[in-house]
Amino acid sequence: MNPQSSSLPHSLSHPGPNLGVVAAVFAVLFSVGLYPVTSLYASPSFPGPWDSSNVIVSYFQSRASSVLFCSFFHFGASIPLGIFAASVASRLRFLGARAAGSYIALFGGLATSFNMAVSASVLWAMANPGMAQDAGVLRALFYLKFVLGGPGFSVPIGLLLAGISVTAGFMRLLPRWLVGLGLALALIGELSWLSMVFPRLLFLIPLTRFPAFAWLITAGFLLPKSVATGRTTNA
């Protein structure tokens, strides 16, 4: 019998971390850090940019330990987010993406991670002894922290969601409902930029942030890790 060539199915698996787990670690660290500066833990809660200097200074004088706790966990949360961004871009390229979407996702994720780390660092500086006594410096740092952790978070994470959604949508890697939700959240994230000049639109920031956590976790678990190939054998 002459040997005959046949093609058997074979799959290659992307060598990277579990995206769903990485996204979940990011979301948990961020949420744990947020808890002690909310009214769920104690009142008053973290001040907003509309509050007076007296309110801001008083908060940091009385709640320095809670602020320090928040800065610690939010700095830590920036690391798995950066890992997720790099890994999901690599995964999309591995699965065959050739358009710009994977690079847009990478840029958005790394920008969000960097802004989170800087925002947490500024918050850490504000929590140190003596800083709350200088109202002028404290207020300047407060606004810097707000823009980095507010629009500086929601706008670039919108790019992360958009890059993944568009790429996965064209390649049919994720369910259509998840792609549509990702694009909707991405649009809200980009619109949150307007909150820098229209403070009444600040609600767009949490409207992007918290649903994005769930979206990233879901997409991370559902995004395929393997690609089918053909393998030639002799029979």
C-alpha atoms as a PDB file:
ATOM      1  CA  MET A   1       0.000   0.000   0.000  1.00  0.00           C
ATOM      2  CA  ASN A   2       1.348   3.355  -1.004  1.00  0.00           C
ATOM      3  CA  PRO A   3       1.504   5.973   1.735  1.00  0.00           C
ATOM      4  CA  GLN A   4      -1.119   8.644   1.284  1.00  0.00           C
ATOM      5  CA  SER A   5      -1.054  12.171   2.589  1.00  0.00           C
ATOM      6  CA  SER A   6      -3.943  13.341   4.769  1.00  0.00           C
ATOM      7  CA  SER A   7      -4.654  16.499   6.711  1.00  0.00           C
ATOM      8  CA  LEU A   8      -5.710  16.213  10.317  1.00  0.00           C
ATOM      9  CA  PRO A   9      -7.108  19.074  12.373  1.00  0.00           C
ATOM     10  CA  HIS A  10      -4.651  20.639  14.753  1.00  0.00           C
ATOM     11  CA  SER A  11      -4.986  23.621  17.071  1.00  0.00           C
ATOM     12  CA  LEU A  12      -2.373  26.029  18.302  1.00  0.00           C
ATOM     13  CA  SER A  13      -2.930  27.658  21.681  1.00  0.00           C
ATOM     14  CA  HIS A  14      -1.860  31.212  22.465  1.00  0.00           C
ATOM     15  CA  PRO A  15       0.905  31.196  25.099  1.00  0.00           C
ATOM     16  CA  GLY A  16      -0.458  33.778  27.504  1.00  0.00           C
ATOM     17  CA  PRO A  17      -2.342  34.262  30.772  1.00  0.00           C
ATOM     18  CA  ASN A  18      -6.056  33.642  31.243  1.00  0.00           C
ATOM     19  CA  LEU A  19      -7.526  37.007  30.251  1.00  0.00           C
ATOM     20  CA  GLY A  20     -10.677  36.559  32.308  1.00  0.00           C
ATOM     21  CA  VAL A  21      -8.696  35.884  35.472  1.00  0.00           C
ATOM     22  CA  VAL A  22      -6.370  38.854  34.867  1.00  0.00           C
ATOM     23  CA  ALA A  23      -9.353  41.168  34.293  1.00  0.00           C
ATOM     24  CA  ALA A  24     -11.012  39.841  37.452  1.00  0.00           C
ATOM     25  CA  VAL A  25      -7.869  40.521  39.515  1.00  0.00           C
ATOM     26  CA  PHE A  26      -7.802  44.070  38.165  1.00  0.00           C
ATOM     27  CA  ALA A  27     -11.478  44.645  39.002  1.00  0.00           C
ATOM     28  CA  VAL A  28     -11.158  43.187  42.521  1.00  0.00           C
ATOM     29  CA  LEU A  29      -8.066  45.251  43.393  1.00  0.00           C
ATOM     30  CA  PHE A  30      -9.683  48.429  42.117  1.00  0.00           C
ATOM     31  CA  SER A  31     -12.951  47.781  43.973  1.00  0.00           C
ATOM     32  CA  VAL A  32     -11.178  46.915  47.238  1.00  0.00           C
ATOM     33  CA  GLY A  33      -9.203  50.150  47.027  1.00  0.00           C
ATOM     34  CA  LEU A  34     -12.327  52.171  46.292  1.00  0.00           C
ATOM     35  CA  TYR A  35     -14.381  50.825  49.196  1.00  0.00           C
ATOM     36  CA  PRO A  36     -12.795  52.751  52.129  1.00  0.00           C
ATOM     37  CA  VAL A  37     -13.256  56.139  50.396  1.00  0.00           C
ATOM     38  CA  THR A  38     -16.962  55.656  49.707  1.00  0.00           C
ATOM     39  CA  SER A  39     -19.975  56.332  51.913  1.00  0.00           C
ATOM     40  CA  LEU A  40     -20.449  52.556  52.187  1.00  0.00           C
ATOM     41  CA  TYR A  41     -17.441  52.511  54.545  1.00  0.00           C
ATOM     42  CA  ALA A  42     -17.764  55.824  56.380  1.00  0.00           C
ATOM     43  CA  SER A  43     -18.971  59.364  55.859  1.00  0.00           C
ATOM     44  CA  PRO A  44     -17.978  61.721  54.429  1.00  0.00           C
ATOM     45  CA  SER A  45     -17.002  60.045  51.157  1.00  0.00           C
ATOM     46  CA  PHE A  46     -14.198  61.118  48.826  1.00  0.00           C
ATOM     47  CA  PRO A  47     -14.783  64.763  47.801  1.00  0.00           C
ATOM     48  CA  GLY A  48     -15.579  65.865  44.266  1.00  0.00           C
ATOM     49  CA  PRO A  49     -14.096  68.698  42.189  1.00  0.00           C
ATOM     50  CA  TRP A  50     -17.128  70.838  43.022  1.00  0.00           C
ATOM     51  CA  ASP A  51     -16.382  70.795  46.766  1.00  0.00           C
ATOM     52  CA  SER A  52     -14.746  73.717  48.534  1.00  0.00           C
ATOM     53  CA  SER A  53     -11.131  73.830  49.687  1.00  0.00           C
ATOM     54  CA  ASN A  54     -12.270  73.436  53.303  1.00  0.00           C
ATOM     55  CA  VAL A  55     -14.136  70.213  52.500  1.00  0.00           C
ATOM     56  CA  ILE A  56     -11.202  68.777  50.556  1.00  0.00           C
ATOM     57  CA  VAL A  57      -8.591  69.691  53.180  1.00  0.00           C
ATOM     58  CA  SER A  58     -10.778  68.436  56.013  1.00  0.00           C
ATOM     59  CA  TYR A  59     -11.286  65.094  54.299  1.00  0.00           C
ATOM     60  CA  PHE A  60      -7.585  64.445  53.759  1.00  0.00           C
ATOM     61  CA  GLN A  61      -6.769  65.514  57.297  1.00  0.00           C
ATOM     62  CA  SER A  62      -9.289  63.131  58.833  1.00  0.00           C
ATOM     63  CA  ARG A  63      -9.197  60.191  56.405  1.00  0.00           C
ATOM     64  CA  ALA A  64      -5.508  59.926  55.472  1.00  0.00           C
ATOM     65  CA  SER A  65      -5.343  56.192  56.272  1.00  0.00           C
ATOM     66  CA  SER A  66      -8.296  55.419  53.987  1.00  0.00           C
ATOM     67  CA  VAL A  67      -6.743  57.469  51.183  1.00  0.00           C
ATOM     68  CA  LEU A  68      -3.430  55.663  51.627  1.00  0.00           C
ATOM     69  CA  PHE A  69      -5.242  52.297  51.471  1.00  0.00           C
ATOM     70  CA  CYS A  70      -6.993  53.386  48.257  1.00  0.00           C
ATOM     71  CA  SER A  71      -3.759  54.561  46.597  1.00  0.00           C
ATOM     72  CA  PHE A  72      -2.029  51.280  47.468  1.00  0.00           C
ATOM     73  CA  PHE A  73      -4.662  49.067  45.846  1.00  0.00           C
ATOM     74  CA  HIS A  74      -5.251  51.305  42.830  1.00  0.00           C
ATOM     75  CA  PHE A  75      -1.541  51.381  42.063  1.00  0.00           C
ATOM     76  CA  GLY A  76      -1.554  47.596  42.313  1.00  0.00           C
ATOM     77  CA  ALA A  77      -4.614  47.357  40.049  1.00  0.00           C
ATOM     78  CA  SER A  78      -2.780  49.212  37.282  1.00  0.00           C
ATOM     79  CA  ILE A  79      -0.402  46.259  36.837  1.00  0.00           C
ATOM     80  CA  PRO A  80      -2.916  43.514  35.876  1.00  0.00           C
ATOM     81  CA  LEU A  81      -4.674  46.035  33.616  1.00  0.00           C
ATOM     82  CA  GLY A  82      -1.417  46.612  31.740  1.00  0.00           C
ATOM     83  CA  ILE A  83      -0.858  42.854  31.554  1.00  0.00           C
ATOM     84  CA  PHE A  84      -4.399  42.410  30.211  1.00  0.00           C
ATOM     85  CA  ALA A  85      -3.866  45.069  27.519  1.00  0.00           C
ATOM     86  CA  ALA A  86      -0.603  43.546  26.310  1.00  0.00           C
ATOM     87  CA  SER A  87      -1.988  40.002  26.431  1.00  0.00           C
ATOM     88  CA  VAL A  88      -5.273  40.728  24.644  1.00  0.00           C
ATOM     89  CA  ALA A  89      -3.455  42.575  21.851  1.00  0.00           C
ATOM     90  CA  SER A  90      -1.103  39.612  21.482  1.00  0.00           C
ATOM     91  CA  ARG A  91      -4.085  37.205  21.536  1.00  0.00           C
ATOM     92  CA  LEU A  92      -5.900  39.110  18.780  1.00  0.00           C
ATOM     93  CA  ARG A  93      -2.782  39.128  16.595  1.00  0.00           C
ATOM     94  CA  PHE A  94      -2.309  35.414  17.244  1.00  0.00           C
ATOM     95  CA  LEU A  95      -5.894  34.749  16.155  1.00  0.00           C
ATOM     96  CA  GLY A  96      -5.241  36.502  12.850  1.00  0.00           C
ATOM     97  CA  ALA A  97      -5.995  40.193  13.392  1.00  0.00           C
ATOM     98  CA  ARG A  98      -4.149  42.369  10.888  1.00  0.00           C
ATOM     99  CA  ALA A  99      -6.007  45.674  11.214  1.00  0.00           C
ATOM    100  CA  ALA A 100      -5.283  48.515  13.632  1.00  0.00           C
ATOM    101  CA  GLY A 101      -7.873  47.420  16.230  1.00  0.00           C
ATOM    102  CA  SER A 102      -5.479  45.324  18.285  1.00  0.00           C
ATOM    103  CA  TYR A 103      -2.989  48.194  18.480  1.00  0.00           C
ATOM    104  CA  ILE A 104      -5.742  50.639  19.461  1.00  0.00           C
ATOM    105  CA  ALA A 105      -6.711  48.248  22.257  1.00  0.00           C
ATOM    106  CA  LEU A 106      -3.067  48.049  23.350  1.00  0.00           C
ATOM    107  CA  PHE A 107      -2.700  51.831  23.387  1.00  0.00           C
ATOM    108  CA  GLY A 108      -5.950  52.337  25.295  1.00  0.00           C
ATOM    109  CA  GLY A 109      -5.156  49.696  27.895  1.00  0.00           C
ATOM    110  CA  LEU A 110      -1.604  50.864  28.532  1.00  0.00           C
ATOM    111  CA  ALA A 111      -2.697  54.514  28.706  1.00  0.00           C
ATOM    112  CA  THR A 112      -5.360  53.599  31.278  1.00  0.00           C
ATOM    113  CA  SER A 113      -2.839  51.590  33.281  1.00  0.00           C
ATOM    114  CA  PHE A 114      -0.281  54.411  33.226  1.00  0.00           C
ATOM    115  CA  ASN A 115      -2.838  57.052  34.223  1.00  0.00           C
ATOM    116  CA  MET A 116      -4.036  54.827  37.071  1.00  0.00           C
ATOM    117  CA  ALA A 117      -0.506  54.386  38.388  1.00  0.00           C
ATOM    118  CA  VAL A 118       0.226  58.125  38.253  1.00  0.00           C
ATOM    119  CA  SER A 119      -3.165  58.979  39.789  1.00  0.00           C
ATOM    120  CA  ALA A 120      -2.541  56.524  42.650  1.00  0.00           C
ATOM    121  CA  SER A 121       0.932  57.976  43.160  1.00  0.00           C
ATOM    122  CA  VAL A 122      -0.486  61.500  43.420  1.00  0.00           C
ATOM    123  CA  LEU A 123      -3.095  60.235  45.877  1.00  0.00           C
ATOM    124  CA  TRP A 124      -0.353  58.569  47.931  1.00  0.00           C
ATOM    125  CA  ALA A 125       1.511  61.895  48.110  1.00  0.00           C
ATOM    126  CA  MET A 126      -1.666  63.649  49.265  1.00  0.00           C
ATOM    127  CA  ALA A 127      -2.137  61.112  52.080  1.00  0.00           C
ATOM    128  CA  ASN A 128       1.292  61.688  53.601  1.00  0.00           C
ATOM    129  CA  PRO A 129       1.599  63.654  56.857  1.00  0.00           C
ATOM    130  CA  GLY A 130       1.768  67.413  56.443  1.00  0.00           C
ATOM    131  CA  MET A 131       0.405  67.552  52.889  1.00  0.00           C
ATOM    132  CA  ALA A 132      -3.158  68.321  54.017  1.00  0.00           C
ATOM    133  CA  GLN A 133      -1.898  71.412  55.861  1.00  0.00           C
ATOM    134  CA  ASP A 134      -1.016  73.195  52.603  1.00  0.00           C
ATOM    135  CA  ALA A 135      -4.427  73.878  51.098  1.00  0.00           C
ATOM    136  CA  GLY A 136      -3.062  75.341  47.846  1.00  0.00           C
ATOM    137  CA  VAL A 137      -0.779  72.422  47.012  1.00  0.00           C
ATOM    138  CA  LEU A 138      -3.358  69.874  48.146  1.00  0.00           C
ATOM    139  CA  ARG A 139      -6.061  71.336  45.926  1.00  0.00           C
ATOM    140  CA  ALA A 140      -3.723  71.388  42.901  1.00  0.00           C
ATOM    141  CA  LEU A 141      -2.800  67.736  43.472  1.00  0.00           C
ATOM    142  CA  PHE A 142      -6.458  66.890  44.007  1.00  0.00           C
ATOM    143  CA  TYR A 143      -7.472  68.235  40.595  1.00  0.00           C
ATOM    144  CA  LEU A 144      -4.525  66.468  38.949  1.00  0.00           C
ATOM    145  CA  LYS A 145      -5.545  63.202  40.593  1.00  0.00           C
ATOM    146  CA  PHE A 146      -9.137  63.726  39.516  1.00  0.00           C
ATOM    147  CA  VAL A 147      -8.387  64.279  35.836  1.00  0.00           C
ATOM    148  CA  LEU A 148      -6.004  61.299  35.722  1.00  0.00           C
ATOM    149  CA  GLY A 149      -8.373  58.979  37.581  1.00  0.00           C
ATOM    150  CA  GLY A 150     -11.545  60.359  35.978  1.00  0.00           C
ATOM    151  CA  PRO A 151     -11.448  61.166  32.239  1.00  0.00           C
ATOM    152  CA  GLY A 152      -7.875  59.849  32.216  1.00  0.00           C
ATOM    153  CA  PHE A 153      -9.372  56.449  33.036  1.00  0.00           C
ATOM    154  CA  SER A 154     -12.692  56.397  31.185  1.00  0.00           C
ATOM    155  CA  VAL A 155     -11.481  57.820  27.851  1.00  0.00           C
ATOM    156  CA  PRO A 156      -8.552  55.442  27.219  1.00  0.00           C
ATOM    157  CA  ILE A 157     -10.380  52.393  28.588  1.00  0.00           C
ATOM    158  CA  GLY A 158     -13.041  53.228  26.014  1.00  0.00           C
ATOM    159  CA  LEU A 159     -10.345  52.795  23.366  1.00  0.00           C
ATOM    160  CA  LEU A 160      -9.422  49.436  24.890  1.00  0.00           C
ATOM    161  CA  LEU A 161     -13.046  48.286  24.662  1.00  0.00           C
ATOM    162  CA  ALA A 162     -13.465  49.668  21.141  1.00  0.00           C
ATOM    163  CA  GLY A 163     -10.278  48.049  19.849  1.00  0.00           C
ATOM    164  CA  ILE A 164     -11.264  44.651  21.194  1.00  0.00           C
ATOM    165  CA  SER A 165     -14.910  44.957  20.113  1.00  0.00           C
ATOM    166  CA  VAL A 166     -14.261  46.069  16.532  1.00  0.00           C
ATOM    167  CA  THR A 167     -11.573  43.448  15.966  1.00  0.00           C
ATOM    168  CA  ALA A 168     -13.538  40.633  17.616  1.00  0.00           C
ATOM    169  CA  GLY A 169     -16.690  41.711  15.799  1.00  0.00           C
ATOM    170  CA  PHE A 170     -15.159  41.539  12.339  1.00  0.00           C
ATOM    171  CA  MET A 171     -13.489  38.228  13.104  1.00  0.00           C
ATOM    172  CA  ARG A 172     -16.560  36.815  14.891  1.00  0.00           C
ATOM    173  CA  LEU A 173     -14.552  35.984  17.975  1.00  0.00           C
ATOM    174  CA  LEU A 174     -17.134  37.242  20.494  1.00  0.00           C
ATOM    175  CA  PRO A 175     -20.949  37.184  20.622  1.00  0.00           C
ATOM    176  CA  ARG A 176     -22.633  40.039  18.796  1.00  0.00           C
ATOM    177  CA  TRP A 177     -24.379  41.277  21.941  1.00  0.00           C
ATOM    178  CA  LEU A 178     -21.050  41.556  23.747  1.00  0.00           C
ATOM    179  CA  VAL A 179     -19.477  43.398  20.815  1.00  0.00           C
ATOM    180  CA  GLY A 180     -22.415  45.819  20.722  1.00  0.00           C
ATOM    181  CA  LEU A 181     -22.217  46.423  24.462  1.00  0.00           C
ATOM    182  CA  GLY A 182     -18.475  47.018  24.227  1.00  0.00           C
ATOM    183  CA  LEU A 183     -18.945  49.628  21.495  1.00  0.00           C
ATOM    184  CA  ALA A 184     -21.689  51.357  23.508  1.00  0.00           C
ATOM    185  CA  LEU A 185     -19.452  51.523  26.596  1.00  0.00           C
ATOM    186  CA  ALA A 186     -16.578  52.767  24.444  1.00  0.00           C
ATOM    187  CA  LEU A 187     -18.743  55.606  23.132  1.00  0.00           C
ATOM    188  CA  ILE A 188     -19.778  56.582  26.661  1.00  0.00           C
ATOM    189  CA  GLY A 189     -16.116  56.529  27.662  1.00  0.00           C
ATOM    190  CA  GLU A 190     -15.122  58.894  24.872  1.00  0.00           C
ATOM    191  CA  LEU A 191     -18.026  61.225  25.673  1.00  0.00           C
ATOM    192  CA  SER A 192     -16.838  61.397  29.303  1.00  0.00           C
ATOM    193  CA  TRP A 193     -14.039  63.633  27.992  1.00  0.00           C
ATOM    194  CA  LEU A 194     -16.657  66.400  27.921  1.00  0.00           C
ATOM    195  CA  SER A 195     -16.850  66.281  31.717  1.00  0.00           C
ATOM    196  CA  MET A 196     -13.638  68.324  31.788  1.00  0.00           C
ATOM    197  CA  VAL A 197     -15.622  71.369  30.600  1.00  0.00           C
ATOM    198  CA  PHE A 198     -19.168  70.282  31.514  1.00  0.00           C
ATOM    199  CA  PRO A 199     -19.046  68.968  35.120  1.00  0.00           C
ATOM    200  CA  ARG A 200     -22.653  67.788  34.951  1.00  0.00           C
ATOM    201  CA  LEU A 201     -21.445  64.988  32.671  1.00  0.00           C
ATOM    202  CA  LEU A 202     -19.265  63.472  35.394  1.00  0.00           C
ATOM    203  CA  PHE A 203     -21.737  60.606  35.713  1.00  0.00           C
ATOM    204  CA  LEU A 204     -20.369  59.273  32.399  1.00  0.00           C
ATOM    205  CA  ILE A 205     -17.137  58.270  34.159  1.00  0.00           C
ATOM    206  CA  PRO A 206     -18.626  55.663  36.557  1.00  0.00           C
ATOM    207  CA  LEU A 207     -21.094  54.716  33.818  1.00  0.00           C
ATOM    208  CA  THR A 208     -18.048  53.646  31.794  1.00  0.00           C
ATOM    209  CA  ARG A 209     -15.858  52.321  34.588  1.00  0.00           C
ATOM    210  CA  PHE A 210     -17.946  49.737  36.398  1.00  0.00           C
ATOM    211  CA  PRO A 211     -19.716  48.120  33.411  1.00  0.00           C
ATOM    212  CA  ALA A 212     -16.283  47.998  31.730  1.00  0.00           C
ATOM    213  CA  PHE A 213     -15.017  45.779  34.572  1.00  0.00           C
ATOM    214  CA  ALA A 214     -17.723  43.208  33.876  1.00  0.00           C
ATOM    215  CA  TRP A 215     -17.212  43.523  30.113  1.00  0.00           C
ATOM    216  CA  LEU A 216     -13.465  42.900  30.287  1.00  0.00           C
ATOM    217  CA  ILE A 217     -13.947  39.853  32.515  1.00  0.00           C
ATOM    218  CA  THR A 218     -16.611  38.394  30.231  1.00  0.00           C
ATOM    219  CA  ALA A 219     -14.661  39.088  27.051  1.00  0.00           C
ATOM    220  CA  GLY A 220     -11.523  37.686  28.643  1.00  0.00           C
ATOM    221  CA  PHE A 221     -13.181  34.352  29.320  1.00  0.00           C
ATOM    222  CA  LEU A 222     -15.001  34.154  25.972  1.00  0.00           C
ATOM    223  CA  LEU A 223     -12.219  35.239  23.626  1.00  0.00           C
ATOM    224  CA  PRO A 224     -10.806  32.110  21.919  1.00  0.00           C
ATOM    225  CA  LYS A 225      -7.326  31.041  22.920  1.00  0.00           C
ATOM    226  CA  SER A 226      -6.670  28.520  20.148  1.00  0.00           C
ATOM    227  CA  VAL A 227      -6.626  28.685  16.359  1.00  0.00           C
ATOM    228  CA  ALA A 228      -7.270  25.666  14.126  1.00  0.00           C
ATOM    229  CA  THR A 229      -4.634  24.694  11.570  1.00  0.00           C
ATOM    230  CA  GLY A 230      -4.041  21.800   9.248  1.00  0.00           C
ATOM    231  CA  ARG A 231      -1.401  19.164   9.932  1.00  0.00           C
ATOM    232  CA  THR A 232      -0.152  16.896   7.189  1.00  0.00           C
ATOM    233  CA  THR A 233       0.560  13.276   8.053  1.00  0.00           C
ATOM    234  CA  ASN A 234       1.408  10.155   6.070  1.00  0.00           C
ATOM    235  CA  ALA A 235      -0.785   7.076   6.186  1.00  0.00           C
END
